């Protein structure tokens, strides 16, 4: 099993994207939380998690996303996910993660949906 890599970019002043590549397991929790801190410190109200380069996710990775969600909610952030394969979309739906982390086809769609002033 490889490890995950996180890269934070800022597609908009109030938004950050965390591109996640590799294997998403509990082992990469520190990296993901550090990426979230970096995104949050820049004032992001919207966090887009980009899974298009993700190779694998297990239950530990899903648990880690729940932790991220709680941290985001504490900061009144809205979190979206893009780039999920059909398999992982189904897992998000089964675990009801999709009720809290909105799924979009791409970053542009997520940013449009999470524009300031939109509910």
Protein backbone atom coordinates (compact mmCIF):
# COMPACT_ATOMS: atom_id res chain seq x y z
CA UNK A 1 0.00 0.00 0.00
CA UNK A 2 1.25 3.42 -0.90
CA UNK A 3 0.62 6.56 1.02
CA UNK A 4 -1.54 9.53 0.25
CA UNK A 5 -0.35 12.93 -0.85
CA UNK A 6 -2.28 16.15 -0.16
CA UNK A 7 -1.90 19.35 -2.11
CA UNK A 8 -3.71 22.54 -1.11
CA UNK A 9 -4.61 25.15 -3.72
CA UNK A 10 -6.89 28.18 -3.60
CA UNK A 11 -9.17 28.35 -6.65
CA UNK A 12 -11.06 31.28 -5.12
CA UNK A 13 -10.39 33.74 -2.29
CA UNK A 14 -12.86 32.05 0.06
CA UNK A 15 -12.19 28.49 -1.09
CA UNK A 16 -9.48 25.88 -0.86
CA UNK A 17 -9.08 22.64 -2.73
CA UNK A 18 -7.28 19.67 -1.23
CA UNK A 19 -6.15 17.30 -3.98
CA UNK A 20 -5.80 13.83 -2.47
CA UNK A 21 -3.80 11.22 -4.34
CA UNK A 22 -2.78 7.69 -3.44
CA UNK A 23 -4.30 5.54 -0.69
CA UNK A 24 -6.67 7.17 1.79
CA UNK A 25 -6.39 5.27 5.06
CA UNK A 26 -6.16 6.17 8.72
CA UNK A 27 -2.37 6.36 8.22
CA UNK A 28 -2.70 9.65 6.31
CA UNK A 29 -4.86 11.39 8.93
CA UNK A 30 -2.05 13.71 10.07
CA UNK A 31 -1.38 14.77 6.47
CA UNK A 32 -5.07 15.45 5.77
CA UNK A 33 -5.56 17.40 9.00
CA UNK A 34 -2.43 19.46 8.25
CA UNK A 35 -3.78 20.19 4.75
CA UNK A 36 -7.12 21.23 6.28
CA UNK A 37 -5.33 23.52 8.74
CA UNK A 38 -3.37 25.08 5.89
CA UNK A 39 -6.60 25.63 3.92
CA UNK A 40 -8.43 27.00 6.97
CA UNK A 41 -5.62 29.33 8.00
CA UNK A 42 -5.99 31.02 4.62
CA UNK A 43 -9.62 31.79 5.51
CA UNK A 44 -11.38 29.21 3.36
CA UNK A 45 -15.12 28.96 4.00
CA UNK A 46 -15.43 26.29 1.32
CA UNK A 47 -13.27 23.16 1.18
CA UNK A 48 -13.28 21.05 -1.98
CA UNK A 49 -11.79 17.58 -1.58
CA UNK A 50 -10.52 16.38 -4.96
CA UNK A 51 -10.36 12.59 -5.10
CA UNK A 52 -9.64 12.26 -8.85
CA UNK A 53 -6.11 10.90 -8.19
CA UNK A 54 -7.14 8.68 -5.27
CA UNK A 55 -6.31 5.03 -5.79
CA UNK A 56 -7.88 3.42 -2.73
CA UNK A 57 -9.90 4.26 0.38
CA UNK A 58 -10.76 1.97 3.28
CA UNK A 59 -12.94 2.35 6.37
CA UNK A 60 -10.11 4.13 8.18
CA UNK A 61 -10.07 6.72 5.41
CA UNK A 62 -13.83 7.17 5.70
CA UNK A 63 -13.51 7.62 9.46
CA UNK A 64 -10.85 10.24 8.84
CA UNK A 65 -13.24 12.13 6.53
CA UNK A 66 -15.82 12.16 9.33
CA UNK A 67 -13.18 13.74 11.61
CA UNK A 68 -12.44 16.33 8.92
CA UNK A 69 -16.16 17.03 8.59
CA UNK A 70 -16.49 17.72 12.32
CA UNK A 71 -13.52 20.10 12.19
CA UNK A 72 -15.01 21.84 9.18
CA UNK A 73 -18.40 22.22 10.83
CA UNK A 74 -16.77 23.80 13.87
CA UNK A 75 -15.38 26.45 11.53
CA UNK A 76 -18.70 26.84 9.66
CA UNK A 77 -17.06 25.52 6.51
CA UNK A 78 -18.92 23.85 3.68
CA UNK A 79 -17.25 20.75 2.31
CA UNK A 80 -17.65 19.23 -1.14
CA UNK A 81 -16.07 16.24 -2.85
CA UNK A 82 -15.16 15.93 -6.53
CA UNK A 83 -13.50 13.28 -8.64
CA UNK A 84 -15.00 10.24 -6.93
CA UNK A 85 -15.36 7.10 -9.00
CA UNK A 86 -18.79 5.46 -9.17
CA UNK A 87 -17.64 2.89 -6.59
CA UNK A 88 -16.66 5.52 -4.04
CA UNK A 89 -19.77 7.62 -4.80
CA UNK A 90 -21.82 4.58 -3.78
CA UNK A 91 -19.80 4.21 -0.58
CA UNK A 92 -20.40 7.90 0.24
CA UNK A 93 -24.13 7.29 -0.28
CA UNK A 94 -24.20 4.06 1.74
CA UNK A 95 -22.38 5.67 4.66
CA UNK A 96 -24.48 8.85 4.27
CA UNK A 97 -21.31 10.90 3.95
CA UNK A 98 -22.93 12.46 0.89
CA UNK A 99 -25.46 14.16 3.19
CA UNK A 100 -22.67 16.20 4.76
CA UNK A 101 -20.04 16.27 2.02
CA UNK A 102 -21.82 17.30 -1.15
CA UNK A 103 -20.70 15.39 -4.25
CA UNK A 104 -20.02 17.28 -7.48
CA UNK A 105 -18.59 16.31 -10.85
CA UNK A 106 -15.75 18.82 -10.77
CA UNK A 107 -14.32 21.74 -8.83
CA UNK A 108 -16.01 24.38 -10.99
CA UNK A 109 -19.44 22.85 -10.29
CA UNK A 110 -18.68 22.61 -6.55
CA UNK A 111 -17.57 26.24 -6.40
CA UNK A 112 -20.66 27.41 -8.30
CA UNK A 113 -22.90 25.47 -5.91
CA UNK A 114 -21.10 26.79 -2.83
CA UNK A 115 -20.92 30.43 -3.84
CA UNK A 116 -21.47 33.01 -1.12
CA UNK A 117 -25.14 33.66 -0.57
CA UNK A 118 -26.25 30.21 -1.73
CA UNK A 119 -27.93 28.07 0.93
